[in-house]
Protein backbone atom coordinates (compact mmCIF):
# COMPACT_ATOMS: atom_id res chain seq x y z
CA UNK A 1 0.00 0.00 0.00
CA UNK A 2 1.38 3.39 -0.96
CA UNK A 3 1.72 6.15 1.64
CA UNK A 4 2.59 9.81 1.21
CA UNK A 5 6.01 9.13 2.75
CA UNK A 6 6.89 6.85 -0.19
CA UNK A 7 7.16 9.82 -2.56
CA UNK A 8 10.00 12.17 -3.38
CA UNK A 9 9.93 15.63 -4.87
CA UNK A 10 12.71 17.55 -6.50
CA UNK A 11 13.51 20.74 -4.65
CA UNK A 12 14.33 23.94 -6.45
CA UNK A 13 18.04 23.13 -6.34
CA UNK A 14 17.51 19.85 -8.20
CA UNK A 15 17.93 17.62 -5.11
CA UNK A 16 15.52 14.77 -4.42
CA UNK A 17 13.65 15.23 -1.14
CA UNK A 18 11.86 12.29 0.44
CA UNK A 19 8.49 13.16 1.95
CA UNK A 20 9.61 10.93 4.81
CA UNK A 21 11.22 14.18 6.02
CA UNK A 22 7.69 15.39 6.84
CA UNK A 23 6.55 12.35 8.82
CA UNK A 24 4.52 13.30 11.91
CA UNK A 25 3.75 16.75 10.47
CA UNK A 26 0.41 18.16 9.38
CA UNK A 27 0.87 19.04 5.70
CA UNK A 28 -0.83 21.39 3.30
CA UNK A 29 0.20 20.50 -0.25
CA UNK A 30 -0.57 23.19 -2.83
CA UNK A 31 0.01 23.41 -6.58
CA UNK A 32 0.85 27.06 -7.15
CA UNK A 33 1.43 29.62 -9.87
CA UNK A 34 2.88 33.12 -9.76
CA UNK A 35 0.80 34.59 -12.60
CA UNK A 36 -2.66 33.44 -11.52
CA UNK A 37 -5.58 35.45 -10.20
CA UNK A 38 -5.33 33.28 -7.08
CA UNK A 39 -1.64 34.07 -6.49
CA UNK A 40 -2.52 36.46 -3.61
CA UNK A 41 -3.38 33.30 -1.63
CA UNK A 42 0.36 33.19 -0.90
CA UNK A 43 -0.26 35.86 1.75
CA UNK A 44 -2.77 33.69 3.63
CA UNK A 45 -0.59 30.60 3.17
CA UNK A 46 2.35 32.42 4.76
CA UNK A 47 0.14 33.56 7.64
CA UNK A 48 -0.85 29.92 8.30
CA UNK A 49 2.78 28.87 8.11
CA UNK A 50 3.88 31.59 10.54
CA UNK A 51 1.12 30.65 12.97
CA UNK A 52 1.44 26.86 12.98
CA UNK A 53 4.90 25.87 11.74
CA UNK A 54 6.43 25.64 15.22
CA UNK A 55 3.60 23.27 16.19
CA UNK A 56 4.35 20.76 13.44
CA UNK A 57 2.71 22.23 10.34
CA UNK A 58 4.33 22.38 6.89
CA UNK A 59 3.24 23.80 3.58
CA UNK A 60 4.64 22.13 0.47
CA UNK A 61 4.52 24.63 -2.39
CA UNK A 62 4.67 22.85 -5.74
CA UNK A 63 4.58 25.16 -8.77
CA UNK A 64 2.67 23.91 -11.80
CA UNK A 65 2.64 25.52 -15.23
CA UNK A 66 -0.17 23.38 -16.68
CA UNK A 67 -2.92 25.97 -16.35
CA UNK A 68 -2.55 28.65 -19.02
CA UNK A 69 1.23 28.85 -18.41
CA UNK A 70 0.67 30.83 -15.22
CA UNK A 71 3.85 29.59 -13.53
CA UNK A 72 6.51 30.79 -15.97
CA UNK A 73 10.13 31.35 -15.11
CA UNK A 74 12.96 29.52 -13.49
CA UNK A 75 13.03 28.22 -9.95
CA UNK A 76 15.06 31.27 -8.93
CA UNK A 77 12.57 33.66 -10.54
CA UNK A 78 9.64 31.94 -8.83
CA UNK A 79 11.43 32.04 -5.45
CA UNK A 80 12.34 35.68 -5.83
CA UNK A 81 8.77 36.62 -6.81
CA UNK A 82 7.26 34.74 -3.83
CA UNK A 83 9.75 36.07 -1.31
CA UNK A 84 9.62 39.68 -2.50
CA UNK A 85 5.86 39.92 -2.99
CA UNK A 86 4.55 37.64 -0.23
CA UNK A 87 7.48 36.99 2.13
CA UNK A 88 7.12 33.23 1.77
CA UNK A 89 9.41 31.00 3.78
CA UNK A 90 7.81 27.57 3.42
CA UNK A 91 9.40 24.82 1.29
CA UNK A 92 9.03 25.23 -2.47
CA UNK A 93 9.75 22.48 -4.95
CA UNK A 94 10.47 22.21 -8.66
CA UNK A 95 7.61 22.59 -11.14
CA UNK A 96 5.65 19.45 -11.84
CA UNK A 97 2.59 18.35 -13.79
CA UNK A 98 -0.49 17.51 -11.77
CA UNK A 99 -2.77 16.19 -14.54
CA UNK A 100 -2.42 13.96 -17.57
CA UNK A 101 -0.12 11.09 -18.45
CA UNK A 102 2.92 12.99 -17.13
CA UNK A 103 1.37 13.86 -13.77
CA UNK A 104 3.80 13.45 -10.89
CA UNK A 105 3.22 10.19 -8.96
CA UNK A 106 2.46 12.17 -5.78
CA UNK A 107 -0.41 13.93 -7.53
CA UNK A 108 -1.71 10.72 -9.05
CA UNK A 109 -1.86 9.33 -5.50
CA UNK A 110 -3.39 12.50 -3.97
CA UNK A 111 -6.13 12.51 -6.60
CA UNK A 112 -6.97 8.88 -5.79
CA UNK A 113 -7.16 9.72 -2.10
CA UNK A 114 -9.45 12.75 -2.46
CA UNK A 115 -11.63 13.70 -5.38
CA UNK A 116 -12.53 17.29 -6.15
CA UNK A 117 -15.30 19.19 -7.93
CA UNK A 118 -14.24 17.80 -11.33
CA UNK A 119 -13.55 14.27 -10.10
CA UNK A 120 -9.92 13.27 -9.86
CA UNK A 121 -8.51 16.05 -12.04
CA UNK A 122 -6.90 19.09 -10.49
CA UNK A 123 -9.11 21.92 -11.67
CA UNK A 124 -6.70 24.86 -11.41
CA UNK A 125 -3.81 26.39 -9.53
CA UNK A 126 -3.99 26.48 -5.73
CA UNK A 127 -5.85 23.22 -5.11
CA UNK A 128 -4.99 22.24 -1.54
CA UNK A 129 -4.62 18.84 0.12
CA UNK A 130 -4.61 18.73 3.92
CA UNK A 131 -2.76 15.70 5.30
CA UNK A 132 -2.76 14.59 8.95
CA UNK A 133 0.28 13.48 10.96
CA UNK A 134 -0.31 9.86 9.93
CA UNK A 135 -0.07 10.76 6.25
CA UNK A 136 -3.80 10.47 5.50
CA UNK A 137 -5.41 13.01 3.18
CA UNK A 138 -8.23 14.43 5.29
CA UNK A 139 -9.45 17.21 3.02
CA UNK A 140 -9.14 18.41 -0.55
CA UNK A 141 -9.97 22.06 -1.05
CA UNK A 142 -10.86 23.73 -4.31
CA UNK A 143 -8.52 26.27 -5.83
CA UNK A 144 -10.78 29.13 -4.79
CA UNK A 145 -10.97 28.01 -1.14
CA UNK A 146 -9.22 30.59 0.96
CA UNK A 147 -6.35 29.18 3.05
CA UNK A 148 -7.30 31.39 6.00
CA UNK A 149 -10.45 29.28 6.50
CA UNK A 150 -8.27 26.28 7.41
CA UNK A 151 -7.18 27.47 10.85
CA UNK A 152 -9.72 25.46 12.86
CA UNK A 153 -9.07 22.30 10.88
CA UNK A 154 -5.28 22.68 11.19
CA UNK A 155 -5.53 23.32 14.94
CA UNK A 156 -7.68 20.21 15.39
CA UNK A 157 -5.21 18.07 13.44
CA UNK A 158 -2.25 19.45 15.37
CA UNK A 159 -3.97 18.61 18.68
CA UNK A 160 -5.42 15.21 17.86
CA UNK A 161 -2.92 13.63 15.54
């Protein structure tokens, strides 16, 4: 049986990072884009990270350029944009594909674990998957769902898991 900790992601420096590194953490996994109308969600994501990181919460920012090429640029350009405009400090990974035959294995697994408004497919940038400390996907949130509405759910997971 596959678990979230079986996957690796490439970080923005080209190094493979095992998700085992995030065992026992509450995770919010987000496919992001810097040129999207939803990009201002970075502000709310950073606020969640600032509030809960020391309690065992991580955000995994995974850029995706599959939706109208709204995540252009190099890893360095994406990092610079996010840090300058939104002060982000959570982990960011290399761009991946989230849909189609070339979808990253992590996203194939996430979509099996939690369907969204268009079934298994990721509908747009900023779809969020909330994962408990045991590695179970407990909630999939639509792209338009504001991250700031997750506080109660994150607090509950941090206390109970």
